[in-house]
Amino acid sequence: MELADQAVGFLLSFISISIFTYYTCWVIVLPFVDSDHFIQKFFLPQHYAIIIPVFAGVILLSFLSIFVGFVMLKSKQKVK
């Protein structure tokens, strides 16, 4: 079981570092690269660099709020 936990941890770390590196290159490095350079085809247009994280944050906060609401309702029902 410990080996499986380590594998999952390594996989999650690798995915997180990959996403961070991609986003950092997309937002910080790419604006200084010519628009006809071949590396531009690996990235979405720049306006998505703001839209995607904002959308993901709104969804995350929505699910978190719904979860907290359900927990509060269930704990209130147990008290009665």
PDB file of N, CA and C in Angstrom:
ATOM      1  N   MET A   1       0.827  -1.198   0.000  1.00  0.00           N
ATOM      2  CA  MET A   1       0.000   0.000   0.000  1.00  0.00           C
ATOM      3  C   MET A   1       0.868   1.258   0.000  1.00  0.00           C
ATOM      4  N   GLU A   2       1.981   1.194   0.710  1.00  0.00           N
ATOM      5  CA  GLU A   2       2.853   2.362   0.790  1.00  0.00           C
ATOM      6  C   GLU A   2       3.444   2.706  -0.572  1.00  0.00           C
ATOM      7  N   LEU A   3       3.772   1.679  -1.353  1.00  0.00           N
ATOM      8  CA  LEU A   3       4.322   1.906  -2.679  1.00  0.00           C
ATOM      9  C   LEU A   3       3.289   2.548  -3.601  1.00  0.00           C
ATOM     10  N   ALA A   4       2.033   2.152  -3.473  1.00  0.00           N
ATOM     11  CA  ALA A   4       0.967   2.747  -4.279  1.00  0.00           C
ATOM     12  C   ALA A   4       0.767   4.214  -3.905  1.00  0.00           C
ATOM     13  N   ASP A   5       0.840   4.534  -2.618  1.00  0.00           N
ATOM     14  CA  ASP A   5       0.719   5.929  -2.179  1.00  0.00           C
ATOM     15  C   ASP A   5       1.864   6.777  -2.721  1.00  0.00           C
ATOM     16  N   GLN A   6       3.053   6.216  -2.735  1.00  0.00           N
ATOM     17  CA  GLN A   6       4.197   6.948  -3.273  1.00  0.00           C
ATOM     18  C   GLN A   6       4.042   7.173  -4.776  1.00  0.00           C
ATOM     19  N   ALA A   7       3.528   6.179  -5.475  1.00  0.00           N
ATOM     20  CA  ALA A   7       3.334   6.308  -6.921  1.00  0.00           C
ATOM     21  C   ALA A   7       2.292   7.379  -7.224  1.00  0.00           C
ATOM     22  N   VAL A   8       1.204   7.380  -6.472  1.00  0.00           N
ATOM     23  CA  VAL A   8       0.163   8.399  -6.669  1.00  0.00           C
ATOM     24  C   VAL A   8       0.718   9.782  -6.337  1.00  0.00           C
ATOM     25  N   GLY A   9       1.478   9.890  -5.261  1.00  0.00           N
ATOM     26  CA  GLY A   9       2.084  11.167  -4.895  1.00  0.00           C
ATOM     27  C   GLY A   9       3.042  11.665  -5.958  1.00  0.00           C
ATOM     28  N   PHE A  10       3.861  10.763  -6.496  1.00  0.00           N
ATOM     29  CA  PHE A  10       4.785  11.148  -7.557  1.00  0.00           C
ATOM     30  C   PHE A  10       4.021  11.605  -8.795  1.00  0.00           C
ATOM     31  N   LEU A  11       2.976  10.872  -9.157  1.00  0.00           N
ATOM     32  CA  LEU A  11       2.184  11.229 -10.328  1.00  0.00           C
ATOM     33  C   LEU A  11       1.523  12.596 -10.160  1.00  0.00           C
ATOM     34  N   LEU A  12       0.933  12.846  -9.001  1.00  0.00           N
ATOM     35  CA  LEU A  12       0.300  14.149  -8.751  1.00  0.00           C
ATOM     36  C   LEU A  12       1.326  15.281  -8.750  1.00  0.00           C
ATOM     37  N   SER A  13       2.502  15.033  -8.185  1.00  0.00           N
ATOM     38  CA  SER A  13       3.563  16.044  -8.198  1.00  0.00           C
ATOM     39  C   SER A  13       4.020  16.331  -9.617  1.00  0.00           C
ATOM     40  N   PHE A  14       4.196  15.282 -10.407  1.00  0.00           N
ATOM     41  CA  PHE A  14       4.621  15.451 -11.791  1.00  0.00           C
ATOM     42  C   PHE A  14       3.594  16.243 -12.602  1.00  0.00           C
ATOM     43  N   ILE A  15       2.317  15.921 -12.422  1.00  0.00           N
ATOM     44  CA  ILE A  15       1.256  16.641 -13.132  1.00  0.00           C
ATOM     45  C   ILE A  15       1.223  18.105 -12.704  1.00  0.00           C
ATOM     46  N   SER A  16       1.339  18.358 -11.411  1.00  0.00           N
ATOM     47  CA  SER A  16       1.314  19.742 -10.911  1.00  0.00           C
ATOM     48  C   SER A  16       2.489  20.552 -11.440  1.00  0.00           C
ATOM     49  N   ILE A  17       3.672  19.975 -11.415  1.00  0.00           N
ATOM     50  CA  ILE A  17       4.854  20.680 -11.914  1.00  0.00           C
ATOM     51  C   ILE A  17       4.737  20.919 -13.421  1.00  0.00           C
ATOM     52  N   SER A  18       4.190  19.945 -14.144  1.00  0.00           N
ATOM     53  CA  SER A  18       4.021  20.118 -15.591  1.00  0.00           C
ATOM     54  C   SER A  18       3.045  21.249 -15.912  1.00  0.00           C
ATOM     55  N   ILE A  19       1.927  21.280 -15.212  1.00  0.00           N
ATOM     56  CA  ILE A  19       0.940  22.342 -15.431  1.00  0.00           C
ATOM     57  C   ILE A  19       1.527  23.705 -15.064  1.00  0.00           C
ATOM     58  N   PHE A  20       2.242  23.778 -13.947  1.00  0.00           N
ATOM     59  CA  PHE A  20       2.861  25.042 -13.534  1.00  0.00           C
ATOM     60  C   PHE A  20       3.876  25.519 -14.568  1.00  0.00           C
ATOM     61  N   THR A  21       4.703  24.614 -15.067  1.00  0.00           N
ATOM     62  CA  THR A  21       5.714  24.986 -16.064  1.00  0.00           C
ATOM     63  C   THR A  21       5.058  25.449 -17.362  1.00  0.00           C
ATOM     64  N   TYR A  22       4.044  24.721 -17.818  1.00  0.00           N
ATOM     65  CA  TYR A  22       3.333  25.101 -19.040  1.00  0.00           C
ATOM     66  C   TYR A  22       2.692  26.472 -18.891  1.00  0.00           C
ATOM     67  N   TYR A  23       1.997  26.694 -17.778  1.00  0.00           N
ATOM     68  CA  TYR A  23       1.306  27.965 -17.575  1.00  0.00           C
ATOM     69  C   TYR A  23       2.304  29.115 -17.442  1.00  0.00           C
ATOM     70  N   THR A  24       3.407  28.885 -16.740  1.00  0.00           N
ATOM     71  CA  THR A  24       4.426  29.922 -16.585  1.00  0.00           C
ATOM     72  C   THR A  24       5.028  30.298 -17.935  1.00  0.00           C
ATOM     73  N   CYS A  25       5.354  29.316 -18.742  1.00  0.00           N
ATOM     74  CA  CYS A  25       5.877  29.621 -20.086  1.00  0.00           C
ATOM     75  C   CYS A  25       4.834  30.344 -20.924  1.00  0.00           C
ATOM     76  N   TRP A  26       3.594  29.946 -20.798  1.00  0.00           N
ATOM     77  CA  TRP A  26       2.507  30.532 -21.573  1.00  0.00           C
ATOM     78  C   TRP A  26       2.298  31.998 -21.220  1.00  0.00           C
ATOM     79  N   VAL A  27       2.338  32.314 -19.932  1.00  0.00           N
ATOM     80  CA  VAL A  27       2.006  33.664 -19.478  1.00  0.00           C
ATOM     81  C   VAL A  27       3.229  34.588 -19.456  1.00  0.00           C
ATOM     82  N   ILE A  28       4.385  34.076 -19.069  1.00  0.00           N
ATOM     83  CA  ILE A  28       5.548  34.942 -18.868  1.00  0.00           C
ATOM     84  C   ILE A  28       6.477  34.967 -20.082  1.00  0.00           C
ATOM     85  N   VAL A  29       6.736  33.813 -20.673  1.00  0.00           N
ATOM     86  CA  VAL A  29       7.726  33.745 -21.751  1.00  0.00           C
ATOM     87  C   VAL A  29       7.109  34.024 -23.121  1.00  0.00           C
ATOM     88  N   LEU A  30       5.946  33.477 -23.390  1.00  0.00           N
ATOM     89  CA  LEU A  30       5.356  33.540 -24.723  1.00  0.00           C
ATOM     90  C   LEU A  30       5.083  34.954 -25.254  1.00  0.00           C
ATOM     91  N   PRO A  31       4.719  35.921 -24.419  1.00  0.00           N
ATOM     92  CA  PRO A  31       4.517  37.266 -24.981  1.00  0.00           C
ATOM     93  C   PRO A  31       5.778  37.877 -25.609  1.00  0.00           C
ATOM     94  N   PHE A  32       6.945  37.361 -25.258  1.00  0.00           N
ATOM     95  CA  PHE A  32       8.192  37.894 -25.810  1.00  0.00           C
ATOM     96  C   PHE A  32       8.689  37.118 -27.030  1.00  0.00           C
ATOM     97  N   VAL A  33       7.923  36.105 -27.439  1.00  0.00           N
ATOM     98  CA  VAL A  33       8.287  35.297 -28.602  1.00  0.00           C
ATOM     99  C   VAL A  33       7.496  35.812 -29.804  1.00  0.00           C
ATOM    100  N   ASP A  34       8.137  35.816 -30.972  1.00  0.00           N
ATOM    101  CA  ASP A  34       7.463  36.280 -32.187  1.00  0.00           C
ATOM    102  C   ASP A  34       6.212  35.458 -32.460  1.00  0.00           C
ATOM    103  N   SER A  35       5.206  36.090 -33.043  1.00  0.00           N
ATOM    104  CA  SER A  35       3.926  35.422 -33.277  1.00  0.00           C
ATOM    105  C   SER A  35       4.009  34.347 -34.362  1.00  0.00           C
ATOM    106  N   ASP A  36       5.012  34.384 -35.214  1.00  0.00           N
ATOM    107  CA  ASP A  36       5.152  33.367 -36.257  1.00  0.00           C
ATOM    108  C   ASP A  36       6.141  32.261 -35.880  1.00  0.00           C
ATOM    109  N   HIS A  37       6.613  32.269 -34.661  1.00  0.00           N
ATOM    110  CA  HIS A  37       7.535  31.234 -34.195  1.00  0.00           C
ATOM    111  C   HIS A  37       6.788  29.907 -34.023  1.00  0.00           C
ATOM    112  N   PHE A  38       7.481  28.789 -34.267  1.00  0.00           N
ATOM    113  CA  PHE A  38       6.819  27.481 -34.231  1.00  0.00           C
ATOM    114  C   PHE A  38       6.290  27.118 -32.847  1.00  0.00           C
ATOM    115  N   ILE A  39       6.852  27.666 -31.789  1.00  0.00           N
ATOM    116  CA  ILE A  39       6.421  27.319 -30.427  1.00  0.00           C
ATOM    117  C   ILE A  39       5.029  27.869 -30.117  1.00  0.00           C
ATOM    118  N   GLN A  40       4.594  28.855 -30.865  1.00  0.00           N
ATOM    119  CA  GLN A  40       3.271  29.447 -30.646  1.00  0.00           C
ATOM    120  C   GLN A  40       2.136  28.445 -30.884  1.00  0.00           C
ATOM    121  N   LYS A  41       2.370  27.433 -31.716  1.00  0.00           N
ATOM    122  CA  LYS A  41       1.304  26.472 -32.021  1.00  0.00           C
ATOM    123  C   LYS A  41       1.038  25.509 -30.860  1.00  0.00           C
ATOM    124  N   PHE A  42       1.909  25.474 -29.852  1.00  0.00           N
ATOM    125  CA  PHE A  42       1.715  24.600 -28.703  1.00  0.00           C
ATOM    126  C   PHE A  42       0.885  25.243 -27.595  1.00  0.00           C
ATOM    127  N   PHE A  43       0.519  26.501 -27.745  1.00  0.00           N
ATOM    128  CA  PHE A  43      -0.196  27.239 -26.714  1.00  0.00           C
ATOM    129  C   PHE A  43      -1.476  27.832 -27.269  1.00  0.00           C
ATOM    130  N   LEU A  44      -2.477  27.952 -26.395  1.00  0.00           N
ATOM    131  CA  LEU A  44      -3.724  28.624 -26.755  1.00  0.00           C
ATOM    132  C   LEU A  44      -3.494  30.125 -26.842  1.00  0.00           C
ATOM    133  N   PRO A  45      -4.449  30.874 -27.411  1.00  0.00           N
ATOM    134  CA  PRO A  45      -4.328  32.337 -27.418  1.00  0.00           C
ATOM    135  C   PRO A  45      -4.239  32.895 -25.996  1.00  0.00           C
ATOM    136  N   GLN A  46      -3.655  34.076 -25.882  1.00  0.00           N
ATOM    137  CA  GLN A  46      -3.341  34.657 -24.571  1.00  0.00           C
ATOM    138  C   GLN A  46      -4.562  34.919 -23.697  1.00  0.00           C
ATOM    139  N   HIS A  47      -5.707  35.242 -24.271  1.00  0.00           N
ATOM    140  CA  HIS A  47      -6.864  35.567 -23.432  1.00  0.00           C
ATOM    141  C   HIS A  47      -7.345  34.353 -22.650  1.00  0.00           C
ATOM    142  N   TYR A  48      -7.035  33.151 -23.120  1.00  0.00           N
ATOM    143  CA  TYR A  48      -7.400  31.952 -22.371  1.00  0.00           C
ATOM    144  C   TYR A  48      -6.560  31.791 -21.099  1.00  0.00           C
ATOM    145  N   ALA A  49      -5.416  32.456 -21.046  1.00  0.00           N
ATOM    146  CA  ALA A  49      -4.562  32.382 -19.857  1.00  0.00           C
ATOM    147  C   ALA A  49      -5.240  32.998 -18.642  1.00  0.00           C
ATOM    148  N   ILE A  50      -6.206  33.868 -18.858  1.00  0.00           N
ATOM    149  CA  ILE A  50      -6.974  34.451 -17.760  1.00  0.00           C
ATOM    150  C   ILE A  50      -8.303  33.726 -17.586  1.00  0.00           C
ATOM    151  N   ILE A  51      -8.959  33.413 -18.685  1.00  0.00           N
ATOM    152  CA  ILE A  51     -10.297  32.811 -18.623  1.00  0.00           C
ATOM    153  C   ILE A  51     -10.284  31.443 -17.949  1.00  0.00           C
ATOM    154  N   ILE A  52      -9.337  30.585 -18.310  1.00  0.00           N
ATOM    155  CA  ILE A  52      -9.308  29.220 -17.773  1.00  0.00           C
ATOM    156  C   ILE A  52      -9.103  29.192 -16.259  1.00  0.00           C
ATOM    157  N   PRO A  53      -8.108  29.895 -15.687  1.00  0.00           N
ATOM    158  CA  PRO A  53      -7.961  29.860 -14.227  1.00  0.00           C
ATOM    159  C   PRO A  53      -9.137  30.496 -13.483  1.00  0.00           C
ATOM    160  N   VAL A  54      -9.717  31.551 -14.040  1.00  0.00           N
ATOM    161  CA  VAL A  54     -10.872  32.174 -13.385  1.00  0.00           C
ATOM    162  C   VAL A  54     -12.055  31.210 -13.388  1.00  0.00           C
ATOM    163  N   PHE A  55     -12.304  30.566 -14.499  1.00  0.00           N
ATOM    164  CA  PHE A  55     -13.387  29.596 -14.597  1.00  0.00           C
ATOM    165  C   PHE A  55     -13.165  28.420 -13.643  1.00  0.00           C
ATOM    166  N   ALA A  56     -11.934  27.921 -13.591  1.00  0.00           N
ATOM    167  CA  ALA A  56     -11.614  26.816 -12.682  1.00  0.00           C
ATOM    168  C   ALA A  56     -11.774  27.248 -11.223  1.00  0.00           C
ATOM    169  N   GLY A  57     -11.384  28.467 -10.903  1.00  0.00           N
ATOM    170  CA  GLY A  57     -11.539  28.967  -9.540  1.00  0.00           C
ATOM    171  C   GLY A  57     -12.996  29.119  -9.141  1.00  0.00           C
ATOM    172  N   VAL A  58     -13.816  29.610 -10.057  1.00  0.00           N
ATOM    173  CA  VAL A  58     -15.249  29.756  -9.758  1.00  0.00           C
ATOM    174  C   VAL A  58     -15.882  28.391  -9.528  1.00  0.00           C
ATOM    175  N   ILE A  59     -15.540  27.424 -10.358  1.00  0.00           N
ATOM    176  CA  ILE A  59     -16.090  26.073 -10.179  1.00  0.00           C
ATOM    177  C   ILE A  59     -15.610  25.465  -8.864  1.00  0.00           C
ATOM    178  N   LEU A  60     -14.337  25.633  -8.547  1.00  0.00           N
ATOM    179  CA  LEU A  60     -13.794  25.102  -7.288  1.00  0.00           C
ATOM    180  C   LEU A  60     -14.487  25.722  -6.086  1.00  0.00           C
ATOM    181  N   LEU A  61     -14.643  27.030  -6.088  1.00  0.00           N
ATOM    182  CA  LEU A  61     -15.317  27.694  -4.968  1.00  0.00           C
ATOM    183  C   LEU A  61     -16.791  27.303  -4.878  1.00  0.00           C
ATOM    184  N   SER A  62     -17.423  27.082  -6.024  1.00  0.00           N
ATOM    185  CA  SER A  62     -18.823  26.653  -6.020  1.00  0.00           C
ATOM    186  C   SER A  62     -18.965  25.274  -5.384  1.00  0.00           C
ATOM    187  N   PHE A  63     -18.135  24.320  -5.809  1.00  0.00           N
ATOM    188  CA  PHE A  63     -18.200  22.977  -5.232  1.00  0.00           C
ATOM    189  C   PHE A  63     -17.840  22.995  -3.746  1.00  0.00           C
ATOM    190  N   LEU A  64     -16.872  23.818  -3.377  1.00  0.00           N
ATOM    191  CA  LEU A  64     -16.495  23.927  -1.966  1.00  0.00           C
ATOM    192  C   LEU A  64     -17.640  24.498  -1.142  1.00  0.00           C
ATOM    193  N   SER A  65     -18.312  25.500  -1.652  1.00  0.00           N
ATOM    194  CA  SER A  65     -19.450  26.090  -0.942  1.00  0.00           C
ATOM    195  C   SER A  65     -20.606  25.093  -0.823  1.00  0.00           C
ATOM    196  N   ILE A  66     -20.873  24.361  -1.882  1.00  0.00           N
ATOM    197  CA  ILE A  66     -21.932  23.350  -1.831  1.00  0.00           C
ATOM    198  C   ILE A  66     -21.588  22.268  -0.811  1.00  0.00           C
ATOM    199  N   PHE A  67     -20.341  21.828  -0.789  1.00  0.00           N
ATOM    200  CA  PHE A  67     -19.916  20.806   0.163  1.00  0.00           C
ATOM    201  C   PHE A  67     -20.067  21.289   1.601  1.00  0.00           C
ATOM    202  N   VAL A  68     -19.624  22.507   1.879  1.00  0.00           N
ATOM    203  CA  VAL A  68     -19.749  23.060   3.234  1.00  0.00           C
ATOM    204  C   VAL A  68     -21.223  23.203   3.604  1.00  0.00           C
ATOM    205  N   GLY A  69     -22.057  23.603   2.673  1.00  0.00           N
ATOM    206  CA  GLY A  69     -23.488  23.716   2.935  1.00  0.00           C
ATOM    207  C   GLY A  69     -24.105  22.375   3.283  1.00  0.00           C
ATOM    208  N   PHE A  70     -23.767  21.325   2.532  1.00  0.00           N
ATOM    209  CA  PHE A  70     -24.291  19.993   2.838  1.00  0.00           C
ATOM    210  C   PHE A  70     -23.814  19.500   4.195  1.00  0.00           C
ATOM    211  N   VAL A  71     -22.558  19.740   4.521  1.00  0.00           N
ATOM    212  CA  VAL A  71     -22.034  19.316   5.823  1.00  0.00           C
ATOM    213  C   VAL A  71     -22.752  20.054   6.946  1.00  0.00           C
ATOM    214  N   MET A  72     -22.997  21.333   6.770  1.00  0.00           N
ATOM    215  CA  MET A  72     -23.699  22.096   7.799  1.00  0.00           C
ATOM    216  C   MET A  72     -25.136  21.604   7.944  1.00  0.00           C
ATOM    217  N   LEU A  73     -25.807  21.290   6.845  1.00  0.00           N
ATOM    218  CA  LEU A  73     -27.181  20.776   6.927  1.00  0.00           C
ATOM    219  C   LEU A  73     -27.234  19.401   7.598  1.00  0.00           C
ATOM    220  N   LYS A  74     -26.303  18.542   7.266  1.00  0.00           N
ATOM    221  CA  LYS A  74     -26.295  17.206   7.871  1.00  0.00           C
ATOM    222  C   LYS A  74     -25.953  17.279   9.359  1.00  0.00           C
ATOM    223  N   SER A  75     -25.044  18.160   9.736  1.00  0.00           N
ATOM    224  CA  SER A  75     -24.703  18.269  11.158  1.00  0.00           C
ATOM    225  C   SER A  75     -25.873  18.876  11.945  1.00  0.00           C
ATOM    226  N   LYS A  76     -26.627  19.749  11.314  1.00  0.00           N
ATOM    227  CA  LYS A  76     -27.794  20.334  11.975  1.00  0.00           C
ATOM    228  C   LYS A  76     -28.876  19.282  12.149  1.00  0.00           C
ATOM    229  N   GLN A  77     -29.050  18.390  11.199  1.00  0.00           N
ATOM    230  CA  GLN A  77     -30.049  17.337  11.290  1.00  0.00           C
ATOM    231  C   GLN A  77     -29.683  16.308  12.366  1.00  0.00           C
ATOM    232  N   LYS A  78     -28.391  16.044  12.559  1.00  0.00           N
ATOM    233  CA  LYS A  78     -27.962  15.097  13.572  1.00  0.00           C
ATOM    234  C   LYS A  78     -28.201  15.614  14.979  1.00  0.00           C
ATOM    235  N   VAL A  79     -28.109  16.927  15.172  1.00  0.00           N
ATOM    236  CA  VAL A  79     -28.300  17.544  16.482  1.00  0.00           C
ATOM    237  C   VAL A  79     -29.759  17.396  16.913  1.00  0.00           C
ATOM    238  N   LYS A  80     -30.701  17.492  15.982  1.00  0.00           N
ATOM    239  CA  LYS A  80     -32.123  17.393  16.320  1.00  0.00           C
ATOM    240  C   LYS A  80     -32.460  16.004  16.644  1.00  0.00           C
TER     241      LYS A  80
END
